[in-house]
Amino acid sequence: MDISIINPIPAKTNNGLVIGKDSAPIKMYEFMNVRCPFCKQWFEEYYDLLTEYVNEGKVQRIIKLFDKEKESLLPGNVMHKHINYELPLKGLTDIRQIYATQDDWGKLSLEGVKQFAEDNLELPEMDNSIVAQQVITEAEAANIKFVPTVIVNEHIFDENITEAELRAILDSK
């Protein structure tokens, strides 16, 4: 990922799923698509660590579910419509459940993905269109092309960060 083209300033908003206290000294902006296997890797590998930092009041996560036009990510766009933004902890649990079942729904038709979300995961479709458009607009303004893209202060990275590197960034404040 060429981070030199990214301007993180337009991406640093609370548009998305906000997890943690506003008073947290570290804000983490995570652009993800729930169909992306690399986003799944990032989310699952660092879930416990990030939950620890959030619970200690050190980090606030702003998860930005990024609707992409790439054909293989279109099923993720459908799943994004089933995330509850109004109840952030439920939304986070929903994302965890969606990633856990990604192999089951990932190759279904778009209508099949919608049915899977509603029938198997018991996630009703929500009107997330405003947030979805805000995230797309921010990503375009920031020149973010790939998922996952994670921004913390001046650091921009993807799933290929080590735990030691991530801890060093999160402990830097």
N, C-alpha and C. Protein backbone atom coordinates (compact mmCIF):
# COMPACT_ATOMS: atom_id res chain seq x y z
N MET A 1 0.86 -1.17 0.00
CA MET A 1 0.00 0.00 0.00
C MET A 1 0.90 1.23 0.00
N ASP A 2 0.66 2.13 -0.94
CA ASP A 2 1.42 3.37 -1.02
C ASP A 2 0.73 4.43 -0.17
N ILE A 3 1.24 4.63 1.04
CA ILE A 3 0.61 5.58 1.95
C ILE A 3 0.98 7.03 1.64
N SER A 4 1.97 7.24 0.79
CA SER A 4 2.41 8.60 0.50
C SER A 4 1.33 9.42 -0.20
N ILE A 5 0.36 8.76 -0.83
CA ILE A 5 -0.70 9.49 -1.53
C ILE A 5 -1.89 9.80 -0.63
N ILE A 6 -1.88 9.29 0.60
CA ILE A 6 -3.02 9.47 1.50
C ILE A 6 -2.87 10.77 2.29
N ASN A 7 -3.94 11.54 2.30
CA ASN A 7 -4.05 12.74 3.14
C ASN A 7 -5.03 12.39 4.25
N PRO A 8 -4.55 12.07 5.45
CA PRO A 8 -5.45 11.56 6.48
C PRO A 8 -6.44 12.57 7.05
N ILE A 9 -6.23 13.84 6.85
CA ILE A 9 -7.06 14.86 7.49
C ILE A 9 -8.55 14.71 7.15
N PRO A 10 -8.95 14.52 5.88
CA PRO A 10 -10.39 14.38 5.61
C PRO A 10 -11.01 13.12 6.20
N ALA A 11 -10.19 12.15 6.57
CA ALA A 11 -10.70 10.88 7.10
C ALA A 11 -10.92 10.92 8.61
N LYS A 12 -10.44 11.96 9.25
CA LYS A 12 -10.47 12.02 10.72
C LYS A 12 -11.76 12.66 11.21
N THR A 13 -12.86 11.92 11.02
CA THR A 13 -14.17 12.35 11.51
C THR A 13 -14.79 11.19 12.28
N ASN A 14 -15.89 11.46 12.93
CA ASN A 14 -16.59 10.41 13.67
C ASN A 14 -17.68 9.76 12.83
N ASN A 15 -17.62 9.90 11.51
CA ASN A 15 -18.57 9.21 10.64
C ASN A 15 -18.20 7.73 10.63
N GLY A 16 -19.06 6.92 11.17
CA GLY A 16 -18.80 5.49 11.24
C GLY A 16 -19.27 4.94 12.56
N LEU A 17 -18.80 3.77 12.88
CA LEU A 17 -19.16 3.09 14.12
C LEU A 17 -18.14 3.51 15.17
N VAL A 18 -18.56 4.30 16.14
CA VAL A 18 -17.67 4.87 17.14
C VAL A 18 -17.68 3.99 18.39
N ILE A 19 -16.51 3.41 18.69
CA ILE A 19 -16.36 2.50 19.82
C ILE A 19 -15.38 3.14 20.80
N GLY A 20 -15.82 3.38 22.01
CA GLY A 20 -14.95 3.95 23.03
C GLY A 20 -15.30 5.39 23.35
N LYS A 21 -14.61 5.91 24.33
CA LYS A 21 -14.90 7.24 24.87
C LYS A 21 -14.34 8.35 23.98
N ASP A 22 -15.11 9.42 23.89
CA ASP A 22 -14.63 10.60 23.16
C ASP A 22 -13.38 11.18 23.81
N SER A 23 -13.20 10.95 25.09
CA SER A 23 -12.04 11.49 25.82
C SER A 23 -10.76 10.68 25.60
N ALA A 24 -10.85 9.57 24.89
CA ALA A 24 -9.66 8.74 24.65
C ALA A 24 -8.61 9.57 23.91
N PRO A 25 -7.35 9.50 24.35
CA PRO A 25 -6.31 10.32 23.71
C PRO A 25 -5.92 9.86 22.31
N ILE A 26 -6.18 8.62 21.97
CA ILE A 26 -5.84 8.07 20.65
C ILE A 26 -7.13 7.80 19.89
N LYS A 27 -7.21 8.34 18.67
CA LYS A 27 -8.33 8.06 17.77
C LYS A 27 -7.79 7.18 16.64
N MET A 28 -8.47 6.06 16.41
CA MET A 28 -8.08 5.12 15.37
C MET A 28 -9.20 5.07 14.33
N TYR A 29 -8.86 5.38 13.08
CA TYR A 29 -9.82 5.40 11.98
C TYR A 29 -9.54 4.19 11.10
N GLU A 30 -10.53 3.30 11.00
CA GLU A 30 -10.34 2.03 10.30
C GLU A 30 -11.29 1.93 9.10
N PHE A 31 -10.74 2.00 7.91
CA PHE A 31 -11.54 1.83 6.70
C PHE A 31 -11.52 0.34 6.35
N MET A 32 -12.71 -0.26 6.37
CA MET A 32 -12.82 -1.71 6.15
C MET A 32 -14.03 -2.02 5.27
N ASN A 33 -13.98 -3.18 4.65
CA ASN A 33 -15.12 -3.76 3.97
C ASN A 33 -15.23 -5.18 4.50
N VAL A 34 -16.40 -5.56 5.01
CA VAL A 34 -16.53 -6.84 5.71
C VAL A 34 -16.39 -8.06 4.80
N ARG A 35 -16.32 -7.88 3.49
CA ARG A 35 -16.05 -9.01 2.59
C ARG A 35 -14.56 -9.21 2.35
N CYS A 36 -13.77 -8.24 2.66
CA CYS A 36 -12.33 -8.29 2.41
C CYS A 36 -11.64 -9.24 3.40
N PRO A 37 -10.92 -10.25 2.90
CA PRO A 37 -10.24 -11.19 3.80
C PRO A 37 -9.12 -10.52 4.61
N PHE A 38 -8.52 -9.47 4.07
CA PHE A 38 -7.46 -8.77 4.80
C PHE A 38 -8.04 -7.92 5.93
N CYS A 39 -9.24 -7.38 5.70
CA CYS A 39 -9.94 -6.65 6.77
C CYS A 39 -10.32 -7.62 7.88
N LYS A 40 -10.78 -8.80 7.49
CA LYS A 40 -11.12 -9.82 8.48
C LYS A 40 -9.89 -10.17 9.30
N GLN A 41 -8.76 -10.36 8.63
CA GLN A 41 -7.50 -10.68 9.32
C GLN A 41 -7.18 -9.58 10.34
N TRP A 42 -7.22 -8.32 9.91
CA TRP A 42 -6.95 -7.18 10.80
C TRP A 42 -7.90 -7.21 12.00
N PHE A 43 -9.19 -7.30 11.70
CA PHE A 43 -10.22 -7.22 12.74
C PHE A 43 -10.06 -8.33 13.77
N GLU A 44 -9.90 -9.55 13.30
CA GLU A 44 -9.81 -10.69 14.22
C GLU A 44 -8.48 -10.74 14.96
N GLU A 45 -7.39 -10.44 14.28
CA GLU A 45 -6.08 -10.53 14.90
C GLU A 45 -5.91 -9.51 16.03
N TYR A 46 -6.49 -8.33 15.87
CA TYR A 46 -6.28 -7.28 16.86
C TYR A 46 -7.53 -6.94 17.68
N TYR A 47 -8.57 -7.76 17.56
CA TYR A 47 -9.82 -7.49 18.28
C TYR A 47 -9.57 -7.41 19.79
N ASP A 48 -8.94 -8.41 20.38
CA ASP A 48 -8.75 -8.43 21.83
C ASP A 48 -7.86 -7.28 22.29
N LEU A 49 -6.78 -7.04 21.57
CA LEU A 49 -5.86 -5.97 21.92
C LEU A 49 -6.57 -4.61 21.88
N LEU A 50 -7.30 -4.36 20.81
CA LEU A 50 -7.99 -3.08 20.68
C LEU A 50 -9.11 -2.94 21.70
N THR A 51 -9.78 -4.04 22.01
CA THR A 51 -10.82 -4.01 23.04
C THR A 51 -10.21 -3.63 24.39
N GLU A 52 -9.03 -4.16 24.67
CA GLU A 52 -8.32 -3.82 25.91
C GLU A 52 -8.03 -2.31 25.96
N TYR A 53 -7.50 -1.76 24.89
CA TYR A 53 -7.17 -0.33 24.85
C TYR A 53 -8.43 0.53 24.94
N VAL A 54 -9.50 0.11 24.29
CA VAL A 54 -10.76 0.85 24.35
C VAL A 54 -11.31 0.82 25.78
N ASN A 55 -11.32 -0.36 26.39
CA ASN A 55 -11.86 -0.49 27.75
C ASN A 55 -11.06 0.29 28.77
N GLU A 56 -9.76 0.49 28.52
CA GLU A 56 -8.92 1.28 29.42
C GLU A 56 -9.05 2.78 29.14
N GLY A 57 -9.85 3.15 28.14
CA GLY A 57 -10.05 4.56 27.81
C GLY A 57 -8.89 5.18 27.05
N LYS A 58 -8.01 4.35 26.50
CA LYS A 58 -6.84 4.85 25.79
C LYS A 58 -7.08 5.08 24.30
N VAL A 59 -8.02 4.34 23.73
CA VAL A 59 -8.27 4.39 22.29
C VAL A 59 -9.76 4.49 22.02
N GLN A 60 -10.09 5.30 21.02
CA GLN A 60 -11.44 5.32 20.47
C GLN A 60 -11.30 4.84 19.02
N ARG A 61 -12.05 3.79 18.69
CA ARG A 61 -12.05 3.25 17.33
C ARG A 61 -13.20 3.86 16.55
N ILE A 62 -12.93 4.33 15.36
CA ILE A 62 -13.98 4.77 14.45
C ILE A 62 -13.88 3.86 13.22
N ILE A 63 -14.79 2.89 13.18
CA ILE A 63 -14.79 1.91 12.11
C ILE A 63 -15.64 2.45 10.96
N LYS A 64 -15.01 2.60 9.82
CA LYS A 64 -15.65 3.18 8.64
C LYS A 64 -15.83 2.07 7.61
N LEU A 65 -17.06 1.56 7.52
CA LEU A 65 -17.35 0.49 6.57
C LEU A 65 -17.45 1.11 5.19
N PHE A 66 -16.49 0.75 4.37
CA PHE A 66 -16.23 1.40 3.09
C PHE A 66 -16.84 0.57 1.96
N ASP A 67 -17.92 1.08 1.37
CA ASP A 67 -18.53 0.43 0.21
C ASP A 67 -17.61 0.61 -0.99
N LYS A 68 -17.21 -0.51 -1.58
CA LYS A 68 -16.28 -0.50 -2.70
C LYS A 68 -17.00 -1.00 -3.95
N GLU A 69 -16.52 -0.56 -5.10
CA GLU A 69 -17.11 -0.97 -6.37
C GLU A 69 -16.51 -2.26 -6.91
N LYS A 70 -15.43 -2.72 -6.33
CA LYS A 70 -14.79 -3.97 -6.77
C LYS A 70 -15.79 -5.12 -6.61
N GLU A 71 -15.95 -5.90 -7.66
CA GLU A 71 -16.98 -6.95 -7.67
C GLU A 71 -16.89 -7.89 -6.47
N SER A 72 -15.68 -8.29 -6.11
CA SER A 72 -15.53 -9.25 -5.01
C SER A 72 -15.91 -8.65 -3.66
N LEU A 73 -15.99 -7.32 -3.56
CA LEU A 73 -16.34 -6.67 -2.29
C LEU A 73 -17.81 -6.24 -2.23
N LEU A 74 -18.55 -6.38 -3.32
CA LEU A 74 -19.95 -5.98 -3.33
C LEU A 74 -20.79 -6.69 -2.25
N PRO A 75 -20.54 -7.98 -1.98
CA PRO A 75 -21.31 -8.60 -0.89
C PRO A 75 -21.09 -7.88 0.46
N GLY A 76 -19.90 -7.34 0.66
CA GLY A 76 -19.64 -6.58 1.89
C GLY A 76 -20.49 -5.33 1.95
N ASN A 77 -20.67 -4.67 0.80
CA ASN A 77 -21.53 -3.48 0.76
C ASN A 77 -22.94 -3.82 1.22
N VAL A 78 -23.42 -5.00 0.83
CA VAL A 78 -24.76 -5.43 1.25
C VAL A 78 -24.77 -5.65 2.77
N MET A 79 -23.76 -6.32 3.29
CA MET A 79 -23.70 -6.57 4.74
C MET A 79 -23.61 -5.26 5.53
N HIS A 80 -22.94 -4.26 4.98
CA HIS A 80 -22.81 -2.98 5.69
C HIS A 80 -24.17 -2.38 6.02
N LYS A 81 -25.18 -2.71 5.22
CA LYS A 81 -26.53 -2.18 5.44
C LYS A 81 -27.20 -2.81 6.66
N HIS A 82 -26.56 -3.81 7.24
CA HIS A 82 -27.16 -4.53 8.37
C HIS A 82 -26.43 -4.24 9.68
N ILE A 83 -25.57 -3.24 9.69
CA ILE A 83 -24.81 -2.88 10.89
C ILE A 83 -25.57 -1.78 11.64
N ASN A 84 -25.69 -1.96 12.93
CA ASN A 84 -26.40 -0.99 13.77
C ASN A 84 -25.43 0.08 14.26
N TYR A 85 -25.48 1.25 13.65
CA TYR A 85 -24.62 2.36 14.04
C TYR A 85 -25.11 3.05 15.31
N GLU A 86 -26.41 2.96 15.57
CA GLU A 86 -26.98 3.67 16.72
C GLU A 86 -26.63 3.00 18.04
N LEU A 87 -26.32 1.72 18.01
CA LEU A 87 -25.88 0.98 19.20
C LEU A 87 -24.48 0.44 18.87
N PRO A 88 -23.45 1.25 19.10
CA PRO A 88 -22.11 0.89 18.63
C PRO A 88 -21.60 -0.46 19.11
N LEU A 89 -21.83 -0.83 20.36
CA LEU A 89 -21.33 -2.13 20.83
C LEU A 89 -22.05 -3.27 20.14
N LYS A 90 -23.34 -3.09 19.85
CA LYS A 90 -24.06 -4.09 19.08
C LYS A 90 -23.50 -4.14 17.66
N GLY A 91 -23.24 -2.97 17.09
CA GLY A 91 -22.65 -2.92 15.75
C GLY A 91 -21.32 -3.66 15.69
N LEU A 92 -20.50 -3.48 16.73
CA LEU A 92 -19.22 -4.18 16.79
C LEU A 92 -19.43 -5.69 16.89
N THR A 93 -20.40 -6.10 17.69
CA THR A 93 -20.73 -7.53 17.80
C THR A 93 -21.24 -8.06 16.46
N ASP A 94 -22.04 -7.24 15.77
CA ASP A 94 -22.55 -7.63 14.45
C ASP A 94 -21.39 -7.85 13.48
N ILE A 95 -20.42 -6.94 13.48
CA ILE A 95 -19.27 -7.08 12.58
C ILE A 95 -18.50 -8.35 12.91
N ARG A 96 -18.34 -8.62 14.18
CA ARG A 96 -17.62 -9.84 14.60
C ARG A 96 -18.33 -11.09 14.08
N GLN A 97 -19.65 -11.09 14.19
CA GLN A 97 -20.46 -12.22 13.71
C GLN A 97 -20.39 -12.32 12.18
N ILE A 98 -20.39 -11.19 11.51
CA ILE A 98 -20.31 -11.18 10.05
C ILE A 98 -18.97 -11.74 9.58
N TYR A 99 -17.88 -11.32 10.22
CA TYR A 99 -16.57 -11.86 9.86
C TYR A 99 -16.49 -13.36 10.17
N ALA A 100 -17.06 -13.78 11.27
CA ALA A 100 -17.00 -15.20 11.65
C ALA A 100 -17.71 -16.09 10.62
N THR A 101 -18.67 -15.53 9.91
CA THR A 101 -19.44 -16.31 8.93
C THR A 101 -19.12 -15.91 7.49
N GLN A 102 -18.03 -15.16 7.29
CA GLN A 102 -17.70 -14.64 5.96
C GLN A 102 -17.63 -15.75 4.90
N ASP A 103 -17.09 -16.90 5.25
CA ASP A 103 -16.99 -18.00 4.28
C ASP A 103 -18.36 -18.53 3.88
N ASP A 104 -19.36 -18.37 4.75
CA ASP A 104 -20.71 -18.87 4.47
C ASP A 104 -21.48 -17.96 3.52
N TRP A 105 -21.33 -16.66 3.66
CA TRP A 105 -22.12 -15.73 2.86
C TRP A 105 -21.33 -15.05 1.73
N GLY A 106 -20.02 -15.10 1.77
CA GLY A 106 -19.18 -14.31 0.89
C GLY A 106 -19.33 -14.58 -0.59
N LYS A 107 -19.74 -15.76 -0.97
CA LYS A 107 -19.86 -16.08 -2.39
C LYS A 107 -21.32 -16.18 -2.84
N LEU A 108 -22.24 -15.78 -1.98
CA LEU A 108 -23.65 -15.79 -2.34
C LEU A 108 -23.96 -14.63 -3.28
N SER A 109 -25.10 -14.71 -3.95
CA SER A 109 -25.58 -13.57 -4.74
C SER A 109 -25.84 -12.42 -3.78
N LEU A 110 -25.95 -11.22 -4.30
CA LEU A 110 -26.20 -10.07 -3.43
C LEU A 110 -27.52 -10.23 -2.67
N GLU A 111 -28.53 -10.76 -3.35
CA GLU A 111 -29.81 -11.03 -2.66
C GLU A 111 -29.62 -12.13 -1.61
N GLY A 112 -28.79 -13.11 -1.93
CA GLY A 112 -28.49 -14.17 -0.97
C GLY A 112 -27.78 -13.65 0.27
N VAL A 113 -26.89 -12.68 0.08
CA VAL A 113 -26.20 -12.06 1.22
C VAL A 113 -27.22 -11.35 2.11
N LYS A 114 -28.13 -10.62 1.51
CA LYS A 114 -29.18 -9.92 2.26
C LYS A 114 -30.01 -10.92 3.06
N GLN A 115 -30.39 -12.01 2.41
CA GLN A 115 -31.19 -13.04 3.09
C GLN A 115 -30.39 -13.69 4.22
N PHE A 116 -29.11 -13.95 3.98
CA PHE A 116 -28.25 -14.54 5.01
C PHE A 116 -28.18 -13.62 6.23
N ALA A 117 -28.00 -12.34 5.98
CA ALA A 117 -27.92 -11.38 7.10
C ALA A 117 -29.21 -11.40 7.91
N GLU A 118 -30.31 -11.41 7.22
CA GLU A 118 -31.60 -11.33 7.91
C GLU A 118 -32.00 -12.66 8.55
N ASP A 119 -31.82 -13.76 7.84
CA ASP A 119 -32.29 -15.06 8.32
C ASP A 119 -31.29 -15.76 9.25
N ASN A 120 -30.03 -15.80 8.86
CA ASN A 120 -29.04 -16.54 9.63
C ASN A 120 -28.44 -15.71 10.76
N LEU A 121 -28.18 -14.44 10.50
CA LEU A 121 -27.54 -13.59 11.51
C LEU A 121 -28.56 -12.76 12.29
N GLU A 122 -29.81 -12.77 11.82
CA GLU A 122 -30.89 -12.02 12.44
C GLU A 122 -30.56 -10.53 12.54
N LEU A 123 -30.02 -10.00 11.43
CA LEU A 123 -29.67 -8.59 11.35
C LEU A 123 -30.59 -7.92 10.34
N PRO A 124 -31.50 -7.09 10.79
CA PRO A 124 -32.39 -6.41 9.84
C PRO A 124 -31.62 -5.37 9.04
N GLU A 125 -32.15 -5.05 7.88
CA GLU A 125 -31.53 -4.00 7.07
C GLU A 125 -31.82 -2.65 7.72
N MET A 126 -30.78 -1.82 7.80
CA MET A 126 -30.88 -0.50 8.42
C MET A 126 -30.71 0.56 7.31
N ASP A 127 -31.12 1.77 7.60
CA ASP A 127 -30.86 2.85 6.64
C ASP A 127 -29.53 3.50 7.00
N ASN A 128 -28.47 2.95 6.45
CA ASN A 128 -27.12 3.44 6.70
C ASN A 128 -26.59 4.25 5.52
N SER A 129 -27.48 4.69 4.64
CA SER A 129 -27.05 5.32 3.39
C SER A 129 -26.28 6.63 3.63
N ILE A 130 -26.66 7.40 4.61
CA ILE A 130 -25.97 8.68 4.86
C ILE A 130 -24.54 8.42 5.32
N VAL A 131 -24.38 7.52 6.30
CA VAL A 131 -23.03 7.21 6.80
C VAL A 131 -22.20 6.58 5.68
N ALA A 132 -22.79 5.68 4.92
CA ALA A 132 -22.07 5.03 3.82
C ALA A 132 -21.54 6.07 2.83
N GLN A 133 -22.37 7.04 2.48
CA GLN A 133 -21.92 8.08 1.54
C GLN A 133 -20.85 8.98 2.16
N GLN A 134 -20.98 9.28 3.45
CA GLN A 134 -19.97 10.09 4.13
C GLN A 134 -18.61 9.39 4.11
N VAL A 135 -18.60 8.08 4.36
CA VAL A 135 -17.35 7.32 4.36
C VAL A 135 -16.73 7.30 2.96
N ILE A 136 -17.54 7.10 1.94
CA ILE A 136 -17.04 7.13 0.56
C ILE A 136 -16.44 8.49 0.24
N THR A 137 -17.13 9.55 0.61
CA THR A 137 -16.66 10.91 0.35
C THR A 137 -15.33 11.17 1.07
N GLU A 138 -15.24 10.75 2.33
CA GLU A 138 -14.00 10.92 3.09
C GLU A 138 -12.85 10.14 2.45
N ALA A 139 -13.12 8.90 2.09
CA ALA A 139 -12.08 8.06 1.48
C ALA A 139 -11.58 8.69 0.19
N GLU A 140 -12.49 9.19 -0.62
CA GLU A 140 -12.09 9.85 -1.87
C GLU A 140 -11.24 11.09 -1.57
N ALA A 141 -11.67 11.90 -0.62
CA ALA A 141 -10.94 13.13 -0.28
C ALA A 141 -9.56 12.82 0.30
N ALA A 142 -9.47 11.70 1.03
CA ALA A 142 -8.19 11.31 1.64
C ALA A 142 -7.33 10.48 0.69
N ASN A 143 -7.87 10.13 -0.46
CA ASN A 143 -7.19 9.29 -1.44
C ASN A 143 -6.92 7.87 -0.91
N ILE A 144 -7.88 7.37 -0.15
CA ILE A 144 -7.81 6.00 0.37
C ILE A 144 -8.43 5.09 -0.68
N LYS A 145 -7.65 4.15 -1.16
CA LYS A 145 -8.10 3.26 -2.24
C LYS A 145 -8.28 1.81 -1.77
N PHE A 146 -7.56 1.43 -0.71
CA PHE A 146 -7.52 0.03 -0.32
C PHE A 146 -8.05 -0.17 1.09
N VAL A 147 -8.57 -1.36 1.32
CA VAL A 147 -9.00 -1.77 2.65
C VAL A 147 -8.21 -3.01 3.05
N PRO A 148 -7.86 -3.12 4.31
CA PRO A 148 -8.04 -2.09 5.33
C PRO A 148 -6.99 -0.99 5.21
N THR A 149 -7.41 0.20 5.55
CA THR A 149 -6.50 1.32 5.77
C THR A 149 -6.81 1.83 7.17
N VAL A 150 -5.77 1.90 7.99
CA VAL A 150 -5.93 2.32 9.39
C VAL A 150 -5.07 3.56 9.60
N ILE A 151 -5.67 4.55 10.26
CA ILE A 151 -4.97 5.81 10.54
C ILE A 151 -4.99 6.04 12.05
N VAL A 152 -3.79 6.25 12.60
CA VAL A 152 -3.64 6.63 14.00
C VAL A 152 -2.59 7.74 14.04
N ASN A 153 -3.04 8.94 14.42
CA ASN A 153 -2.15 10.11 14.39
C ASN A 153 -1.52 10.23 13.01
N GLU A 154 -0.18 10.25 12.93
CA GLU A 154 0.48 10.36 11.63
C GLU A 154 0.77 9.00 11.01
N HIS A 155 0.39 7.94 11.67
CA HIS A 155 0.66 6.58 11.19
C HIS A 155 -0.49 6.09 10.31
N ILE A 156 -0.13 5.52 9.16
CA ILE A 156 -1.10 4.93 8.24
C ILE A 156 -0.59 3.54 7.91
N PHE A 157 -1.44 2.54 8.08
CA PHE A 157 -1.00 1.17 7.86
C PHE A 157 -2.16 0.27 7.47
N ASP A 158 -1.82 -0.98 7.12
CA ASP A 158 -2.83 -1.97 6.79
C ASP A 158 -2.71 -3.14 7.77
N GLU A 159 -3.18 -4.30 7.37
CA GLU A 159 -3.18 -5.47 8.26
C GLU A 159 -1.79 -6.02 8.52
N ASN A 160 -0.80 -5.56 7.80
CA ASN A 160 0.55 -6.11 7.91
C ASN A 160 1.40 -5.42 8.98
N ILE A 161 0.77 -5.02 10.05
CA ILE A 161 1.49 -4.41 11.16
C ILE A 161 1.67 -5.48 12.25
N THR A 162 2.81 -5.45 12.91
CA THR A 162 3.03 -6.42 13.98
C THR A 162 2.38 -5.91 15.26
N GLU A 163 2.15 -6.81 16.18
CA GLU A 163 1.58 -6.41 17.46
C GLU A 163 2.50 -5.42 18.18
N ALA A 164 3.80 -5.66 18.12
CA ALA A 164 4.75 -4.75 18.78
C ALA A 164 4.68 -3.35 18.15
N GLU A 165 4.60 -3.28 16.83
CA GLU A 165 4.49 -1.98 16.15
C GLU A 165 3.19 -1.27 16.54
N LEU A 166 2.09 -2.03 16.56
CA LEU A 166 0.80 -1.44 16.91
C LEU A 166 0.81 -0.95 18.35
N ARG A 167 1.32 -1.75 19.26
CA ARG A 167 1.39 -1.32 20.67
C ARG A 167 2.24 -0.06 20.82
N ALA A 168 3.34 0.02 20.09
CA ALA A 168 4.22 1.20 20.17
C ALA A 168 3.45 2.45 19.71
N ILE A 169 2.65 2.32 18.66
CA ILE A 169 1.86 3.45 18.19
C ILE A 169 0.80 3.83 19.23
N LEU A 170 0.11 2.84 19.76
CA LEU A 170 -0.98 3.11 20.70
C LEU A 170 -0.48 3.60 22.06
N ASP A 171 0.75 3.27 22.40
CA ASP A 171 1.31 3.71 23.68
C ASP A 171 2.07 5.03 23.55
N SER A 172 2.11 5.60 22.35
CA SER A 172 2.92 6.79 22.12
C SER A 172 2.32 8.06 22.71
N LYS A 173 1.09 8.05 23.09
CA LYS A 173 0.45 9.24 23.69
C LYS A 173 0.51 9.21 25.18
